[in-house]
Amino acid sequence: RGQRPDVWMLSSSPDSAAFAGAMGLKLAFADFLAPGGAGAALAAYREAFQPSPFAAEPYAAVGLVALAAETEAEARRLSKPAIAWNLTRSTGDFRAFVPSTEAEAIIAAAPPEALAAAEGRGVIGAAGDVAGRLTAFAGEHSADELFILTLAERNEDRIRSYQLIAEAMA
């Protein structure tokens, strides 16, 4: 009885995105798990989409890592634990999120290619730049919605990042 809740499928590949489309579900693509895969996944989803009782039209959201601060330098400083976490995960070391002091040592020891890949896994910078890059990403991929994962050592920094992004997007 009454309204049905939205039914979404979380996807991290074009195959699972196409399955969501074939089932007529809304799609939440986890770009934070499969960076750079949103384009192919959303295309596969929209191509496979069949209307259903859950969704008459395709609707896709993409989840991205984003961190904003008042300045680019501050955002880069705050992003070090997330970059170190990505570096360790890429080698199969699934340790917990590391503090800034440990992050700096991990970053310093990383090969340049691995560091560049880890740094590229998120939208990091001053709030206006982050908002512009998120808007461009949504337009480029025809995303109906974005959801943001902010990784930072301190809860206050995560909250402030969300506030800055919201203000810059308004």
N, C-alpha and C. Protein backbone atom coordinates (compact mmCIF):
# COMPACT_ATOMS: atom_id res chain seq x y z
N ARG A 1 0.83 -1.19 0.00
CA ARG A 1 0.00 0.00 0.00
C ARG A 1 0.86 1.24 0.00
N GLY A 2 0.30 2.30 -0.52
CA GLY A 2 1.01 3.56 -0.50
C GLY A 2 2.17 3.58 -1.48
N GLN A 3 3.02 4.57 -1.31
CA GLN A 3 4.16 4.70 -2.20
C GLN A 3 5.21 3.64 -1.93
N ARG A 4 5.83 3.19 -2.99
CA ARG A 4 6.94 2.26 -2.85
C ARG A 4 8.21 3.07 -2.61
N PRO A 5 9.13 2.52 -1.83
CA PRO A 5 10.43 3.20 -1.70
C PRO A 5 11.19 3.06 -3.01
N ASP A 6 12.07 4.00 -3.27
CA ASP A 6 12.94 3.87 -4.43
C ASP A 6 13.81 2.63 -4.27
N VAL A 7 13.98 1.91 -5.35
CA VAL A 7 14.86 0.75 -5.34
C VAL A 7 16.05 1.07 -6.23
N TRP A 8 17.22 1.01 -5.63
CA TRP A 8 18.46 1.34 -6.32
C TRP A 8 19.36 0.11 -6.33
N MET A 9 20.28 0.10 -7.28
CA MET A 9 21.32 -0.91 -7.27
C MET A 9 22.66 -0.19 -7.26
N LEU A 10 23.52 -0.59 -6.33
CA LEU A 10 24.88 -0.07 -6.28
C LEU A 10 25.73 -0.90 -7.22
N SER A 11 26.44 -0.22 -8.10
CA SER A 11 27.22 -0.88 -9.14
C SER A 11 28.64 -0.34 -9.14
N SER A 12 29.58 -1.20 -9.54
CA SER A 12 30.95 -0.74 -9.73
C SER A 12 31.53 -1.25 -11.04
N SER A 13 30.64 -1.71 -11.95
CA SER A 13 31.12 -2.18 -13.25
C SER A 13 30.03 -1.96 -14.30
N PRO A 14 30.41 -1.93 -15.58
CA PRO A 14 29.41 -1.82 -16.63
C PRO A 14 28.43 -2.99 -16.64
N ASP A 15 28.90 -4.19 -16.32
CA ASP A 15 28.01 -5.36 -16.32
C ASP A 15 26.91 -5.23 -15.27
N SER A 16 27.28 -4.86 -14.06
CA SER A 16 26.24 -4.72 -13.02
C SER A 16 25.36 -3.51 -13.30
N ALA A 17 25.91 -2.47 -13.93
CA ALA A 17 25.09 -1.31 -14.31
C ALA A 17 24.07 -1.71 -15.36
N ALA A 18 24.48 -2.52 -16.34
CA ALA A 18 23.55 -2.99 -17.37
C ALA A 18 22.47 -3.86 -16.74
N PHE A 19 22.83 -4.67 -15.75
CA PHE A 19 21.83 -5.49 -15.05
C PHE A 19 20.80 -4.59 -14.36
N ALA A 20 21.28 -3.53 -13.70
CA ALA A 20 20.35 -2.60 -13.04
C ALA A 20 19.40 -2.01 -14.08
N GLY A 21 19.93 -1.63 -15.24
CA GLY A 21 19.09 -1.09 -16.30
C GLY A 21 18.07 -2.09 -16.79
N ALA A 22 18.50 -3.32 -17.03
CA ALA A 22 17.59 -4.36 -17.53
C ALA A 22 16.48 -4.66 -16.52
N MET A 23 16.76 -4.48 -15.23
CA MET A 23 15.76 -4.70 -14.18
C MET A 23 14.90 -3.47 -13.93
N GLY A 24 15.23 -2.36 -14.60
CA GLY A 24 14.45 -1.14 -14.41
C GLY A 24 14.65 -0.48 -13.07
N LEU A 25 15.86 -0.56 -12.54
CA LEU A 25 16.17 0.03 -11.23
C LEU A 25 16.93 1.34 -11.42
N LYS A 26 16.91 2.16 -10.40
CA LYS A 26 17.79 3.32 -10.38
C LYS A 26 19.20 2.84 -10.09
N LEU A 27 20.18 3.56 -10.62
CA LEU A 27 21.57 3.14 -10.50
C LEU A 27 22.36 4.10 -9.62
N ALA A 28 23.13 3.54 -8.71
CA ALA A 28 24.13 4.28 -7.95
C ALA A 28 25.47 3.68 -8.32
N PHE A 29 26.26 4.40 -9.11
CA PHE A 29 27.56 3.89 -9.53
C PHE A 29 28.63 4.34 -8.56
N ALA A 30 29.43 3.40 -8.07
CA ALA A 30 30.47 3.66 -7.07
C ALA A 30 31.80 3.99 -7.74
N ASP A 31 31.93 5.22 -8.23
CA ASP A 31 33.19 5.64 -8.82
C ASP A 31 34.31 5.64 -7.79
N PHE A 32 33.97 5.76 -6.52
CA PHE A 32 34.98 5.74 -5.47
C PHE A 32 35.59 4.34 -5.33
N LEU A 33 34.90 3.31 -5.83
CA LEU A 33 35.47 1.96 -5.85
C LEU A 33 36.11 1.62 -7.19
N ALA A 34 35.57 2.19 -8.26
CA ALA A 34 36.05 1.92 -9.62
C ALA A 34 36.28 3.24 -10.33
N PRO A 35 37.34 3.98 -9.92
CA PRO A 35 37.55 5.31 -10.49
C PRO A 35 37.71 5.26 -12.01
N GLY A 36 37.04 6.21 -12.65
CA GLY A 36 37.12 6.31 -14.10
C GLY A 36 36.14 5.41 -14.83
N GLY A 37 35.36 4.63 -14.12
CA GLY A 37 34.45 3.69 -14.77
C GLY A 37 33.05 4.21 -15.00
N ALA A 38 32.75 5.41 -14.57
CA ALA A 38 31.38 5.93 -14.64
C ALA A 38 30.87 6.05 -16.07
N GLY A 39 31.70 6.50 -17.00
CA GLY A 39 31.25 6.70 -18.37
C GLY A 39 30.72 5.42 -18.99
N ALA A 40 31.52 4.36 -18.92
CA ALA A 40 31.11 3.08 -19.51
C ALA A 40 29.92 2.50 -18.76
N ALA A 41 29.91 2.61 -17.45
CA ALA A 41 28.82 2.03 -16.66
C ALA A 41 27.50 2.75 -16.93
N LEU A 42 27.50 4.07 -16.94
CA LEU A 42 26.25 4.79 -17.19
C LEU A 42 25.75 4.57 -18.61
N ALA A 43 26.66 4.46 -19.56
CA ALA A 43 26.25 4.17 -20.93
C ALA A 43 25.61 2.78 -21.01
N ALA A 44 26.21 1.79 -20.36
CA ALA A 44 25.66 0.43 -20.36
C ALA A 44 24.29 0.41 -19.67
N TYR A 45 24.17 1.15 -18.59
CA TYR A 45 22.90 1.23 -17.85
C TYR A 45 21.80 1.82 -18.73
N ARG A 46 22.08 2.95 -19.34
CA ARG A 46 21.05 3.63 -20.15
C ARG A 46 20.68 2.79 -21.38
N GLU A 47 21.64 2.10 -21.97
CA GLU A 47 21.36 1.27 -23.13
C GLU A 47 20.49 0.07 -22.76
N ALA A 48 20.71 -0.49 -21.59
CA ALA A 48 19.97 -1.69 -21.17
C ALA A 48 18.65 -1.37 -20.46
N PHE A 49 18.42 -0.12 -20.14
CA PHE A 49 17.27 0.22 -19.29
C PHE A 49 15.94 -0.21 -19.90
N GLN A 50 15.13 -0.85 -19.05
CA GLN A 50 13.76 -1.22 -19.38
C GLN A 50 12.86 -0.65 -18.29
N PRO A 51 11.82 0.08 -18.67
CA PRO A 51 10.91 0.61 -17.64
C PRO A 51 10.35 -0.51 -16.76
N SER A 52 10.12 -0.17 -15.51
CA SER A 52 9.62 -1.16 -14.54
C SER A 52 8.72 -0.45 -13.54
N PRO A 53 8.10 -1.21 -12.65
CA PRO A 53 7.33 -0.57 -11.58
C PRO A 53 8.19 0.30 -10.66
N PHE A 54 9.50 0.11 -10.71
CA PHE A 54 10.42 0.86 -9.84
C PHE A 54 10.88 2.16 -10.47
N ALA A 55 10.99 2.20 -11.79
CA ALA A 55 11.44 3.41 -12.48
C ALA A 55 10.95 3.40 -13.92
N ALA A 56 10.27 4.46 -14.30
CA ALA A 56 9.77 4.57 -15.68
C ALA A 56 10.87 4.98 -16.64
N GLU A 57 11.87 5.68 -16.13
CA GLU A 57 12.99 6.18 -16.94
C GLU A 57 14.29 5.90 -16.20
N PRO A 58 15.40 5.83 -16.93
CA PRO A 58 16.68 5.63 -16.24
C PRO A 58 17.01 6.82 -15.34
N TYR A 59 17.62 6.53 -14.23
CA TYR A 59 18.06 7.56 -13.29
C TYR A 59 19.36 7.07 -12.67
N ALA A 60 20.43 7.83 -12.88
CA ALA A 60 21.74 7.37 -12.42
C ALA A 60 22.42 8.41 -11.55
N ALA A 61 22.93 7.93 -10.44
CA ALA A 61 23.75 8.75 -9.54
C ALA A 61 25.15 8.16 -9.52
N VAL A 62 26.14 9.01 -9.30
CA VAL A 62 27.52 8.56 -9.23
C VAL A 62 28.11 9.02 -7.90
N GLY A 63 28.77 8.11 -7.23
CA GLY A 63 29.44 8.42 -5.97
C GLY A 63 30.92 8.67 -6.22
N LEU A 64 31.39 9.83 -5.78
CA LEU A 64 32.77 10.25 -5.99
C LEU A 64 33.42 10.63 -4.67
N VAL A 65 34.73 10.47 -4.63
CA VAL A 65 35.49 11.03 -3.52
C VAL A 65 35.74 12.50 -3.82
N ALA A 66 35.41 13.36 -2.89
CA ALA A 66 35.65 14.80 -3.06
C ALA A 66 36.01 15.39 -1.70
N LEU A 67 36.94 16.32 -1.74
CA LEU A 67 37.35 17.02 -0.53
C LEU A 67 37.65 18.46 -0.91
N ALA A 68 36.98 19.37 -0.23
CA ALA A 68 37.20 20.80 -0.48
C ALA A 68 37.68 21.48 0.79
N ALA A 69 38.46 22.51 0.59
CA ALA A 69 38.92 23.36 1.69
C ALA A 69 38.94 24.79 1.17
N GLU A 70 39.29 25.72 2.05
CA GLU A 70 39.33 27.12 1.66
C GLU A 70 40.38 27.37 0.58
N THR A 71 41.47 26.61 0.61
CA THR A 71 42.53 26.77 -0.39
C THR A 71 42.92 25.41 -0.95
N GLU A 72 43.55 25.44 -2.11
CA GLU A 72 44.08 24.22 -2.73
C GLU A 72 45.11 23.57 -1.82
N ALA A 73 46.00 24.37 -1.24
CA ALA A 73 47.06 23.83 -0.38
C ALA A 73 46.47 23.12 0.84
N GLU A 74 45.45 23.72 1.44
CA GLU A 74 44.81 23.10 2.61
C GLU A 74 44.12 21.80 2.21
N ALA A 75 43.46 21.78 1.07
CA ALA A 75 42.80 20.56 0.60
C ALA A 75 43.83 19.45 0.37
N ARG A 76 44.95 19.79 -0.22
CA ARG A 76 46.01 18.80 -0.46
C ARG A 76 46.55 18.25 0.87
N ARG A 77 46.72 19.13 1.84
CA ARG A 77 47.19 18.68 3.16
C ARG A 77 46.18 17.73 3.80
N LEU A 78 44.91 18.10 3.74
CA LEU A 78 43.86 17.27 4.34
C LEU A 78 43.68 15.94 3.63
N SER A 79 44.05 15.88 2.37
CA SER A 79 43.83 14.65 1.58
C SER A 79 44.92 13.60 1.79
N LYS A 80 46.00 13.92 2.47
CA LYS A 80 47.12 12.98 2.61
C LYS A 80 46.71 11.63 3.21
N PRO A 81 45.92 11.56 4.28
CA PRO A 81 45.53 10.24 4.78
C PRO A 81 44.73 9.42 3.76
N ALA A 82 43.88 10.07 2.98
CA ALA A 82 43.11 9.34 1.96
C ALA A 82 44.02 8.84 0.84
N ILE A 83 44.98 9.65 0.45
CA ILE A 83 45.93 9.24 -0.59
C ILE A 83 46.75 8.06 -0.09
N ALA A 84 47.23 8.13 1.14
CA ALA A 84 48.00 7.02 1.71
C ALA A 84 47.14 5.76 1.81
N TRP A 85 45.89 5.91 2.18
CA TRP A 85 44.97 4.77 2.27
C TRP A 85 44.80 4.12 0.90
N ASN A 86 44.64 4.95 -0.15
CA ASN A 86 44.55 4.41 -1.51
C ASN A 86 45.83 3.70 -1.92
N LEU A 87 46.97 4.27 -1.55
CA LEU A 87 48.26 3.63 -1.88
C LEU A 87 48.38 2.26 -1.23
N THR A 88 48.04 2.16 0.04
CA THR A 88 48.18 0.87 0.72
C THR A 88 47.18 -0.15 0.17
N ARG A 89 45.96 0.29 -0.11
CA ARG A 89 44.95 -0.62 -0.67
C ARG A 89 45.36 -1.13 -2.04
N SER A 90 46.03 -0.30 -2.83
CA SER A 90 46.42 -0.72 -4.18
C SER A 90 47.48 -1.82 -4.15
N THR A 91 48.14 -2.00 -3.01
CA THR A 91 49.14 -3.06 -2.89
C THR A 91 48.58 -4.27 -2.14
N GLY A 92 47.28 -4.25 -1.84
CA GLY A 92 46.67 -5.37 -1.14
C GLY A 92 46.73 -5.25 0.37
N ASP A 93 47.21 -4.13 0.87
CA ASP A 93 47.29 -3.87 2.31
C ASP A 93 46.03 -3.11 2.72
N PHE A 94 45.07 -3.82 3.29
CA PHE A 94 43.77 -3.22 3.60
C PHE A 94 43.70 -2.75 5.05
N ARG A 95 44.72 -2.01 5.45
CA ARG A 95 44.76 -1.47 6.81
C ARG A 95 43.71 -0.37 6.98
N ALA A 96 43.49 -0.01 8.22
CA ALA A 96 42.57 1.08 8.53
C ALA A 96 43.14 2.40 8.04
N PHE A 97 42.28 3.37 7.96
CA PHE A 97 42.67 4.74 7.59
C PHE A 97 43.80 5.19 8.51
N VAL A 98 44.84 5.78 7.95
CA VAL A 98 46.02 6.12 8.74
C VAL A 98 46.04 7.61 9.11
N PRO A 99 46.67 7.96 10.23
CA PRO A 99 46.78 9.37 10.60
C PRO A 99 47.77 10.10 9.69
N SER A 100 47.73 11.42 9.73
CA SER A 100 48.56 12.26 8.86
C SER A 100 50.05 11.95 8.98
N THR A 101 50.53 11.73 10.18
CA THR A 101 51.97 11.49 10.35
C THR A 101 52.39 10.21 9.63
N GLU A 102 51.62 9.18 9.73
CA GLU A 102 51.92 7.92 9.04
C GLU A 102 51.69 8.07 7.54
N ALA A 103 50.70 8.86 7.16
CA ALA A 103 50.38 9.06 5.74
C ALA A 103 51.55 9.69 5.00
N GLU A 104 52.20 10.65 5.61
CA GLU A 104 53.32 11.32 4.94
C GLU A 104 54.44 10.35 4.62
N ALA A 105 54.71 9.40 5.51
CA ALA A 105 55.76 8.41 5.26
C ALA A 105 55.36 7.47 4.12
N ILE A 106 54.12 7.06 4.07
CA ILE A 106 53.63 6.19 3.00
C ILE A 106 53.72 6.91 1.66
N ILE A 107 53.31 8.16 1.63
CA ILE A 107 53.35 8.96 0.39
C ILE A 107 54.79 9.15 -0.07
N ALA A 108 55.68 9.44 0.85
CA ALA A 108 57.09 9.66 0.49
C ALA A 108 57.74 8.41 -0.10
N ALA A 109 57.30 7.24 0.32
CA ALA A 109 57.88 5.99 -0.15
C ALA A 109 57.23 5.45 -1.43
N ALA A 110 56.17 6.09 -1.87
CA ALA A 110 55.40 5.58 -3.02
C ALA A 110 56.09 5.86 -4.34
N PRO A 111 56.03 4.90 -5.28
CA PRO A 111 56.52 5.17 -6.63
C PRO A 111 55.69 6.28 -7.28
N PRO A 112 56.29 7.11 -8.13
CA PRO A 112 55.56 8.24 -8.72
C PRO A 112 54.27 7.86 -9.45
N GLU A 113 54.27 6.72 -10.17
CA GLU A 113 53.06 6.31 -10.90
C GLU A 113 51.94 5.96 -9.93
N ALA A 114 52.28 5.25 -8.86
CA ALA A 114 51.27 4.87 -7.87
C ALA A 114 50.72 6.10 -7.16
N LEU A 115 51.61 7.05 -6.85
CA LEU A 115 51.18 8.28 -6.19
C LEU A 115 50.24 9.07 -7.10
N ALA A 116 50.57 9.18 -8.38
CA ALA A 116 49.71 9.90 -9.32
C ALA A 116 48.34 9.24 -9.41
N ALA A 117 48.29 7.91 -9.44
CA ALA A 117 47.02 7.19 -9.51
C ALA A 117 46.20 7.43 -8.23
N ALA A 118 46.85 7.38 -7.07
CA ALA A 118 46.14 7.58 -5.81
C ALA A 118 45.61 9.01 -5.70
N GLU A 119 46.40 9.98 -6.15
CA GLU A 119 45.96 11.38 -6.10
C GLU A 119 44.81 11.63 -7.07
N GLY A 120 44.75 10.88 -8.15
CA GLY A 120 43.70 11.06 -9.15
C GLY A 120 42.38 10.41 -8.81
N ARG A 121 42.29 9.75 -7.68
CA ARG A 121 41.06 9.05 -7.31
C ARG A 121 40.01 9.94 -6.68
N GLY A 122 40.25 11.22 -6.60
CA GLY A 122 39.28 12.10 -5.99
C GLY A 122 39.32 13.49 -6.59
N VAL A 123 38.29 14.25 -6.28
CA VAL A 123 38.20 15.65 -6.69
C VAL A 123 38.58 16.45 -5.46
N ILE A 124 39.79 17.00 -5.48
CA ILE A 124 40.36 17.64 -4.31
C ILE A 124 40.80 19.05 -4.68
N GLY A 125 40.45 20.03 -3.84
CA GLY A 125 40.90 21.38 -4.10
C GLY A 125 40.10 22.42 -3.36
N ALA A 126 40.26 23.66 -3.78
CA ALA A 126 39.47 24.76 -3.22
C ALA A 126 38.01 24.53 -3.62
N ALA A 127 37.09 25.01 -2.80
CA ALA A 127 35.67 24.71 -2.97
C ALA A 127 35.13 25.04 -4.36
N GLY A 128 35.44 26.21 -4.89
CA GLY A 128 34.93 26.60 -6.20
C GLY A 128 35.42 25.67 -7.30
N ASP A 129 36.69 25.27 -7.23
CA ASP A 129 37.24 24.35 -8.21
C ASP A 129 36.58 22.98 -8.10
N VAL A 130 36.40 22.49 -6.88
CA VAL A 130 35.74 21.19 -6.68
C VAL A 130 34.32 21.24 -7.24
N ALA A 131 33.59 22.28 -6.93
CA ALA A 131 32.20 22.40 -7.44
C ALA A 131 32.18 22.41 -8.97
N GLY A 132 33.10 23.14 -9.58
CA GLY A 132 33.16 23.19 -11.03
C GLY A 132 33.49 21.83 -11.63
N ARG A 133 34.43 21.12 -11.03
CA ARG A 133 34.80 19.80 -11.55
C ARG A 133 33.68 18.79 -11.34
N LEU A 134 32.96 18.87 -10.23
CA LEU A 134 31.82 17.97 -10.01
C LEU A 134 30.71 18.24 -11.02
N THR A 135 30.42 19.51 -11.26
CA THR A 135 29.40 19.88 -12.24
C THR A 135 29.79 19.39 -13.63
N ALA A 136 31.05 19.57 -13.99
CA ALA A 136 31.52 19.10 -15.30
C ALA A 136 31.43 17.58 -15.40
N PHE A 137 31.78 16.88 -14.33
CA PHE A 137 31.70 15.42 -14.32
C PHE A 137 30.27 14.97 -14.54
N ALA A 138 29.34 15.56 -13.81
CA ALA A 138 27.92 15.19 -13.94
C ALA A 138 27.44 15.42 -15.36
N GLY A 139 27.80 16.54 -15.95
CA GLY A 139 27.39 16.83 -17.32
C GLY A 139 28.01 15.89 -18.32
N GLU A 140 29.29 15.62 -18.16
CA GLU A 140 30.01 14.73 -19.09
C GLU A 140 29.44 13.32 -19.10
N HIS A 141 28.99 12.86 -17.93
CA HIS A 141 28.50 11.49 -17.80
C HIS A 141 26.98 11.39 -17.77
N SER A 142 26.29 12.52 -17.95
CA SER A 142 24.83 12.56 -17.87
C SER A 142 24.31 11.97 -16.57
N ALA A 143 25.01 12.26 -15.48
CA ALA A 143 24.57 11.79 -14.16
C ALA A 143 23.43 12.68 -13.68
N ASP A 144 22.39 12.04 -13.19
CA ASP A 144 21.26 12.79 -12.66
C ASP A 144 21.56 13.35 -11.27
N GLU A 145 22.51 12.73 -10.61
CA GLU A 145 22.79 13.09 -9.23
C GLU A 145 24.21 12.63 -8.91
N LEU A 146 24.85 13.32 -7.97
CA LEU A 146 26.14 12.88 -7.44
C LEU A 146 26.00 12.68 -5.94
N PHE A 147 26.72 11.71 -5.41
CA PHE A 147 26.84 11.62 -3.97
C PHE A 147 28.32 11.60 -3.65
N ILE A 148 28.66 12.22 -2.55
CA ILE A 148 30.05 12.52 -2.24
C ILE A 148 30.51 11.73 -1.03
N LEU A 149 31.71 11.17 -1.14
CA LEU A 149 32.39 10.54 -0.03
C LEU A 149 33.61 11.39 0.27
N THR A 150 33.67 11.96 1.45
CA THR A 150 34.81 12.78 1.84
C THR A 150 35.61 12.02 2.87
N LEU A 151 36.87 11.79 2.54
CA LEU A 151 37.79 11.09 3.43
C LEU A 151 38.76 12.11 4.00
N ALA A 152 38.73 12.29 5.30
CA ALA A 152 39.65 13.18 5.99
C ALA A 152 39.85 12.64 7.40
N GLU A 153 40.96 12.99 7.97
CA GLU A 153 41.30 12.46 9.30
C GLU A 153 40.32 12.92 10.38
N ARG A 154 39.96 14.19 10.34
CA ARG A 154 39.10 14.75 11.40
C ARG A 154 37.67 14.94 10.90
N ASN A 155 36.73 14.60 11.74
CA ASN A 155 35.31 14.76 11.41
C ASN A 155 34.99 16.21 11.06
N GLU A 156 35.59 17.17 11.76
CA GLU A 156 35.34 18.59 11.50
C GLU A 156 35.74 18.96 10.07
N ASP A 157 36.83 18.37 9.58
CA ASP A 157 37.28 18.65 8.21
C ASP A 157 36.32 18.06 7.18
N ARG A 158 35.78 16.88 7.47
CA ARG A 158 34.79 16.28 6.56
C ARG A 158 33.54 17.16 6.50
N ILE A 159 33.06 17.56 7.66
CA ILE A 159 31.85 18.39 7.70
C ILE A 159 32.10 19.72 6.98
N ARG A 160 33.23 20.34 7.24
CA ARG A 160 33.54 21.63 6.58
C ARG A 160 33.64 21.44 5.07
N SER A 161 34.21 20.35 4.62
CA SER A 161 34.30 20.08 3.18
C SER A 161 32.90 19.99 2.57
N TYR A 162 32.01 19.26 3.21
CA TYR A 162 30.63 19.16 2.71
C TYR A 162 29.97 20.54 2.67
N GLN A 163 30.18 21.33 3.71
CA GLN A 163 29.61 22.69 3.73
C GLN A 163 30.14 23.53 2.58
N LEU A 164 31.44 23.50 2.38
CA LEU A 164 32.05 24.31 1.31
C LEU A 164 31.56 23.87 -0.07
N ILE A 165 31.46 22.56 -0.27
CA ILE A 165 30.97 22.07 -1.56
C ILE A 165 29.52 22.50 -1.76
N ALA A 166 28.70 22.36 -0.74
CA ALA A 166 27.28 22.75 -0.85
C ALA A 166 27.15 24.25 -1.17
N GLU A 167 27.93 25.06 -0.47
CA GLU A 167 27.89 26.51 -0.72
C GLU A 167 28.34 26.83 -2.14
N ALA A 168 29.38 26.20 -2.60
CA ALA A 168 29.91 26.47 -3.94
C ALA A 168 28.98 25.96 -5.03
N MET A 169 28.23 24.91 -4.75
CA MET A 169 27.30 24.35 -5.74
C MET A 169 25.99 25.15 -5.80
N ALA A 170 25.70 25.90 -4.75
CA ALA A 170 24.41 26.63 -4.69
C ALA A 170 24.33 27.77 -5.69
